[in-house]
N, C-alpha and C. Protein backbone atom coordinates (compact mmCIF):
# COMPACT_ATOMS: atom_id res chain seq x y z
N MET A 1 -147.05 129.61 248.01
CA MET A 1 -146.59 129.98 247.00
C MET A 1 -147.83 130.22 245.47
N LEU A 2 -147.60 131.72 244.98
CA LEU A 2 -148.26 132.31 243.39
C LEU A 2 -147.68 131.99 242.58
N ALA A 3 -148.31 132.01 241.35
CA ALA A 3 -147.86 132.10 239.90
C ALA A 3 -148.33 132.99 238.90
N VAL A 4 -148.12 133.51 238.28
CA VAL A 4 -149.10 133.73 236.78
C VAL A 4 -148.67 133.26 235.89
N VAL A 5 -149.53 133.01 234.84
CA VAL A 5 -149.13 131.70 234.06
C VAL A 5 -149.95 132.20 232.88
N GLU A 6 -149.05 132.03 231.38
CA GLU A 6 -150.11 132.21 230.17
C GLU A 6 -150.41 130.99 229.88
N ILE A 7 -151.86 130.79 229.62
CA ILE A 7 -152.68 129.59 229.35
C ILE A 7 -153.37 130.21 227.77
N ALA A 8 -153.22 129.56 226.83
CA ALA A 8 -153.96 129.45 225.17
C ALA A 8 -154.03 131.70 225.31
N GLY A 9 -152.83 132.62 225.64
CA GLY A 9 -152.61 133.89 225.38
C GLY A 9 -153.81 134.66 226.60
N LYS A 10 -153.50 133.97 227.48
CA LYS A 10 -154.99 134.71 228.80
C LYS A 10 -154.29 134.43 229.97
N GLN A 11 -154.24 135.30 230.89
CA GLN A 11 -153.22 134.82 232.09
C GLN A 11 -153.77 135.13 233.06
N PHE A 12 -153.34 134.01 234.05
CA PHE A 12 -154.14 133.12 235.28
C PHE A 12 -152.73 133.24 236.26
N LYS A 13 -153.91 133.58 237.41
CA LYS A 13 -152.96 133.90 238.79
C LYS A 13 -153.41 132.72 239.21
N VAL A 14 -152.53 132.10 239.67
CA VAL A 14 -152.58 130.15 240.10
C VAL A 14 -151.93 130.13 241.28
N THR A 15 -152.20 129.05 242.56
CA THR A 15 -152.17 128.89 243.54
C THR A 15 -151.52 127.35 243.90
N GLU A 16 -151.24 126.49 245.11
CA GLU A 16 -151.19 125.19 244.49
C GLU A 16 -152.79 124.89 245.16
N GLN A 17 -152.84 123.74 245.00
CA GLN A 17 -154.46 123.03 245.44
C GLN A 17 -155.53 123.87 244.57
N MET A 18 -155.40 124.52 243.54
CA MET A 18 -156.31 125.09 243.35
C MET A 18 -156.94 124.94 241.90
N ASN A 19 -158.17 124.87 241.36
CA ASN A 19 -159.06 124.69 240.27
C ASN A 19 -158.72 125.51 239.43
N VAL A 20 -158.39 125.43 238.25
CA VAL A 20 -158.94 126.77 237.29
C VAL A 20 -159.02 126.86 236.20
N VAL A 21 -160.50 127.24 235.49
CA VAL A 21 -160.93 126.81 234.34
C VAL A 21 -160.70 127.70 233.16
N VAL A 22 -159.21 127.22 232.34
CA VAL A 22 -158.93 128.13 231.24
C VAL A 22 -159.94 127.47 229.70
N PRO A 23 -159.51 127.88 228.76
CA PRO A 23 -160.02 127.40 227.23
C PRO A 23 -159.83 126.48 227.28
N LYS A 24 -160.06 125.43 226.59
CA LYS A 24 -159.80 124.02 226.39
C LYS A 24 -158.53 123.61 225.72
N LEU A 25 -157.84 122.77 226.12
CA LEU A 25 -156.84 122.34 225.83
C LEU A 25 -156.59 120.95 225.73
N ASP A 26 -155.57 120.61 224.58
CA ASP A 26 -155.83 119.14 224.17
C ASP A 26 -155.15 117.99 224.90
N ALA A 27 -155.59 117.97 225.71
CA ALA A 27 -155.30 116.88 226.38
C ALA A 27 -156.50 116.06 226.71
N ASN A 28 -156.40 114.85 227.65
CA ASN A 28 -157.37 114.26 228.00
C ASN A 28 -157.39 113.92 229.21
N VAL A 29 -158.48 113.61 229.84
CA VAL A 29 -158.96 113.79 231.18
C VAL A 29 -158.19 113.04 232.05
N GLY A 30 -157.41 113.49 233.09
CA GLY A 30 -156.62 112.45 234.16
C GLY A 30 -154.80 112.73 233.45
N ASP A 31 -155.00 113.37 232.40
CA ASP A 31 -153.46 113.53 231.90
C ASP A 31 -152.30 114.93 232.95
N LYS A 32 -151.41 114.47 233.43
CA LYS A 32 -150.49 115.02 233.59
C LYS A 32 -150.29 116.45 232.65
N ILE A 33 -149.86 117.68 232.83
CA ILE A 33 -149.46 119.01 231.89
C ILE A 33 -148.96 119.85 232.46
N LYS A 34 -147.27 120.23 231.67
CA LYS A 34 -146.73 121.31 232.70
C LYS A 34 -146.48 122.69 231.72
N LEU A 35 -146.71 123.27 232.62
CA LEU A 35 -146.85 124.57 231.86
C LEU A 35 -145.90 125.62 232.36
N ASP A 36 -145.06 126.13 231.39
CA ASP A 36 -143.48 126.44 231.21
C ASP A 36 -143.78 128.11 231.04
N LYS A 37 -145.06 128.67 230.56
CA LYS A 37 -145.13 130.11 230.32
C LYS A 37 -145.35 131.22 231.77
N VAL A 38 -144.23 131.04 232.96
CA VAL A 38 -144.58 131.39 234.35
C VAL A 38 -144.06 132.80 233.95
N LEU A 39 -145.21 133.76 233.78
CA LEU A 39 -144.87 135.28 234.21
C LEU A 39 -143.80 135.62 235.77
N LEU A 40 -144.86 134.79 236.58
CA LEU A 40 -144.12 136.01 237.54
C LEU A 40 -144.43 134.45 238.81
N VAL A 41 -143.31 134.59 239.92
CA VAL A 41 -143.21 133.43 240.94
C VAL A 41 -143.37 134.43 242.24
N GLU A 42 -143.86 134.35 242.79
CA GLU A 42 -143.94 135.05 244.18
C GLU A 42 -143.80 133.78 245.33
N ASN A 43 -142.74 133.72 246.52
CA ASN A 43 -142.99 132.76 247.47
C ASN A 43 -142.71 133.42 248.93
N GLY A 44 -143.60 134.09 249.50
CA GLY A 44 -143.75 134.42 250.49
C GLY A 44 -142.88 136.38 250.58
N ASN A 45 -141.98 136.53 250.73
CA ASN A 45 -141.87 138.27 250.39
C ASN A 45 -141.28 138.10 249.00
N SER A 46 -140.71 137.62 248.61
CA SER A 46 -139.91 137.28 247.58
C SER A 46 -141.03 137.14 245.82
N LYS A 47 -140.06 137.88 245.04
CA LYS A 47 -141.20 137.93 243.81
C LYS A 47 -139.79 138.00 242.65
N THR A 48 -140.43 136.84 241.42
CA THR A 48 -139.33 136.76 240.63
C THR A 48 -140.17 137.08 239.44
N VAL A 49 -139.89 137.76 238.54
CA VAL A 49 -140.53 138.39 237.92
C VAL A 49 -139.65 138.31 236.58
N GLY A 50 -140.21 137.14 235.16
CA GLY A 50 -139.20 137.03 234.03
C GLY A 50 -139.25 138.48 233.04
N ASP A 51 -138.10 138.29 232.36
CA ASP A 51 -138.27 139.46 231.08
C ASP A 51 -139.02 138.97 230.17
N SER A 52 -139.61 137.68 230.09
CA SER A 52 -140.73 137.52 229.21
C SER A 52 -141.57 136.42 229.90
N VAL A 53 -140.62 135.20 230.56
CA VAL A 53 -140.91 134.42 231.18
C VAL A 53 -139.76 134.26 232.52
N VAL A 54 -140.35 133.72 233.56
CA VAL A 54 -139.33 132.97 234.87
C VAL A 54 -138.22 131.59 234.26
N LYS A 55 -136.86 132.05 234.45
CA LYS A 55 -136.41 130.54 233.97
C LYS A 55 -136.48 129.65 235.01
N ASP A 56 -136.33 128.09 234.32
CA ASP A 56 -136.73 127.37 235.01
C ASP A 56 -137.98 127.30 236.14
N ALA A 57 -138.75 127.95 235.66
CA ALA A 57 -139.90 127.92 236.60
C ALA A 57 -141.11 127.20 235.63
N VAL A 58 -141.49 126.02 236.52
CA VAL A 58 -143.14 125.05 235.96
C VAL A 58 -144.02 125.04 237.01
N VAL A 59 -145.22 124.96 236.35
CA VAL A 59 -146.29 124.60 236.67
C VAL A 59 -146.94 123.62 236.59
N GLU A 60 -147.46 122.43 237.53
CA GLU A 60 -147.65 121.11 237.09
C GLU A 60 -148.96 121.22 237.44
N ALA A 61 -149.67 120.48 236.45
CA ALA A 61 -151.35 120.03 236.66
C ALA A 61 -151.74 119.23 235.66
N THR A 62 -153.28 118.96 236.69
CA THR A 62 -153.79 117.81 236.42
C THR A 62 -155.25 118.42 235.77
N VAL A 63 -155.67 117.62 234.51
CA VAL A 63 -156.49 117.96 233.95
C VAL A 63 -158.06 116.97 234.73
N VAL A 64 -159.14 118.16 234.51
CA VAL A 64 -159.97 117.19 235.55
C VAL A 64 -161.28 117.21 234.91
N ASN A 65 -161.60 117.78 234.07
CA ASN A 65 -162.68 117.67 232.26
C ASN A 65 -162.80 118.56 231.77
N HIS A 66 -163.41 118.50 230.67
CA HIS A 66 -163.80 119.43 229.49
C HIS A 66 -165.32 119.69 229.78
N ASP A 67 -165.77 120.63 229.59
CA ASP A 67 -167.02 121.35 229.51
C ASP A 67 -167.50 122.19 228.17
N ARG A 68 -168.65 122.53 228.40
CA ARG A 68 -168.76 123.19 227.54
C ARG A 68 -170.08 124.63 228.17
N SER A 69 -169.78 125.84 228.24
CA SER A 69 -170.72 127.04 229.12
C SER A 69 -171.67 126.91 228.42
N ASP A 70 -172.88 127.74 229.16
CA ASP A 70 -173.94 128.22 228.61
C ASP A 70 -173.66 128.92 227.38
N LYS A 71 -175.18 128.69 226.90
CA LYS A 71 -175.01 129.00 225.51
C LYS A 71 -174.60 131.03 225.40
N ILE A 72 -174.40 131.46 224.23
CA ILE A 72 -174.13 133.05 224.72
C ILE A 72 -174.93 133.33 223.39
N ILE A 73 -175.94 134.72 223.60
CA ILE A 73 -176.64 134.85 222.45
C ILE A 73 -176.22 136.37 221.62
N VAL A 74 -176.20 136.09 220.27
CA VAL A 74 -175.23 137.14 219.72
C VAL A 74 -176.31 138.01 219.43
N PHE A 75 -176.93 138.62 219.23
CA PHE A 75 -177.84 139.34 218.00
C PHE A 75 -177.32 140.52 217.83
N ARG A 76 -177.63 140.62 216.37
CA ARG A 76 -177.18 141.90 215.63
C ARG A 76 -178.36 142.39 214.66
N LYS A 77 -178.66 144.05 214.90
CA LYS A 77 -179.72 144.88 214.01
C LYS A 77 -179.11 146.08 213.39
N LYS A 78 -179.64 146.64 212.53
CA LYS A 78 -179.14 147.94 211.60
C LYS A 78 -180.35 148.38 211.85
N ALA A 79 -180.00 149.85 212.31
CA ALA A 79 -181.21 150.72 212.50
C ALA A 79 -181.69 150.99 211.04
N LYS A 80 -183.34 151.23 211.47
CA LYS A 80 -183.89 151.78 209.27
C LYS A 80 -183.88 150.66 208.57
N LYS A 81 -183.56 149.79 209.11
CA LYS A 81 -183.26 148.68 208.01
C LYS A 81 -184.40 147.29 208.05
N THR A 82 -184.41 146.14 207.43
CA THR A 82 -185.02 145.28 207.65
C THR A 82 -183.98 144.05 208.28
N PHE A 83 -183.11 144.65 208.91
CA PHE A 83 -181.86 143.59 209.10
C PHE A 83 -181.62 142.69 210.84
N LYS A 84 -182.03 141.40 211.37
CA LYS A 84 -181.72 141.27 212.54
C LYS A 84 -181.40 139.62 211.98
N ARG A 85 -180.41 139.40 213.07
CA ARG A 85 -179.64 138.07 212.96
C ARG A 85 -179.77 137.81 214.99
N THR A 86 -179.81 136.53 215.31
CA THR A 86 -179.91 135.72 216.12
C THR A 86 -178.90 134.88 215.80
N ARG A 87 -177.42 134.90 216.28
CA ARG A 87 -177.05 133.33 217.08
C ARG A 87 -176.39 133.48 218.31
N GLY A 88 -175.52 132.45 217.82
CA GLY A 88 -175.32 131.79 219.45
C GLY A 88 -174.34 130.65 219.37
N HIS A 89 -173.50 130.64 220.58
CA HIS A 89 -172.49 129.49 220.85
C HIS A 89 -172.06 128.89 221.45
N LYS A 90 -172.04 127.76 222.16
CA LYS A 90 -171.41 127.65 223.60
C LYS A 90 -169.86 127.59 223.99
N GLU A 91 -168.92 127.80 224.38
CA GLU A 91 -167.74 128.22 224.88
C GLU A 91 -166.89 126.87 225.28
N GLU A 92 -165.73 126.17 225.02
CA GLU A 92 -165.42 125.11 225.18
C GLU A 92 -164.74 125.25 226.41
N PHE A 93 -164.68 124.88 227.72
CA PHE A 93 -163.40 124.94 228.83
C PHE A 93 -162.89 123.66 228.86
N THR A 94 -161.65 123.97 229.77
CA THR A 94 -161.29 122.92 230.43
C THR A 94 -160.74 122.76 231.90
N THR A 95 -160.87 122.34 233.05
CA THR A 95 -161.40 122.86 234.12
C THR A 95 -159.58 121.81 234.58
N ILE A 96 -158.68 122.88 235.38
CA ILE A 96 -157.51 122.18 235.63
C ILE A 96 -157.01 122.14 237.20
N HIS A 97 -156.46 121.11 237.85
CA HIS A 97 -156.39 121.21 239.25
C HIS A 97 -155.06 121.29 239.11
N ILE A 98 -153.81 122.26 239.96
CA ILE A 98 -152.74 123.23 240.35
C ILE A 98 -152.08 122.10 241.29
N ASP A 99 -151.01 121.43 241.17
CA ASP A 99 -150.49 120.64 242.12
C ASP A 99 -149.20 120.66 242.30
N SER A 100 -148.15 121.88 241.57
CA SER A 100 -147.36 122.05 242.22
C SER A 100 -146.95 122.95 241.34
N ILE A 101 -145.93 124.40 242.13
CA ILE A 101 -145.32 125.34 241.55
C ILE A 101 -143.67 125.01 241.99
N LYS A 102 -143.34 125.01 240.87
CA LYS A 102 -141.67 124.79 241.37
C LYS A 102 -140.70 125.28 240.59
N HIS A 103 -139.96 126.10 241.64
CA HIS A 103 -138.79 127.33 241.21
C HIS A 103 -137.29 127.13 241.15
C-alpha cells in the first residue's frame, strides 16, 4: 500500500514500514502521530485521489528521532563593490517511521 502525504507544506510518497525524513515536527521521540492530509492512496491496482484530501484516510507514524543536518553555507557577493557576506545555518529535521496506512 502506498500513500502521498502532505507534511509541513511538502509532499512525501510513503509506504508501510518506511522511515521518512521530514521537517521538524512538534512531537517527542516515541510519540504516535496521525497524518490526515493524505492526497493519494494506492492499494494494488486501485488508486484513490481526493479533491483536496482523501476522506477517511489516515497514515499512522511513530517519531524516531530529531536531528540537525550539515551546515549550509550562504555566501553573498555584489560585483564591483566591496560587499561579501558569509552566513550559514543548520536545518532541523525529524525522522518518522510509517506504521500503517488506513483507508
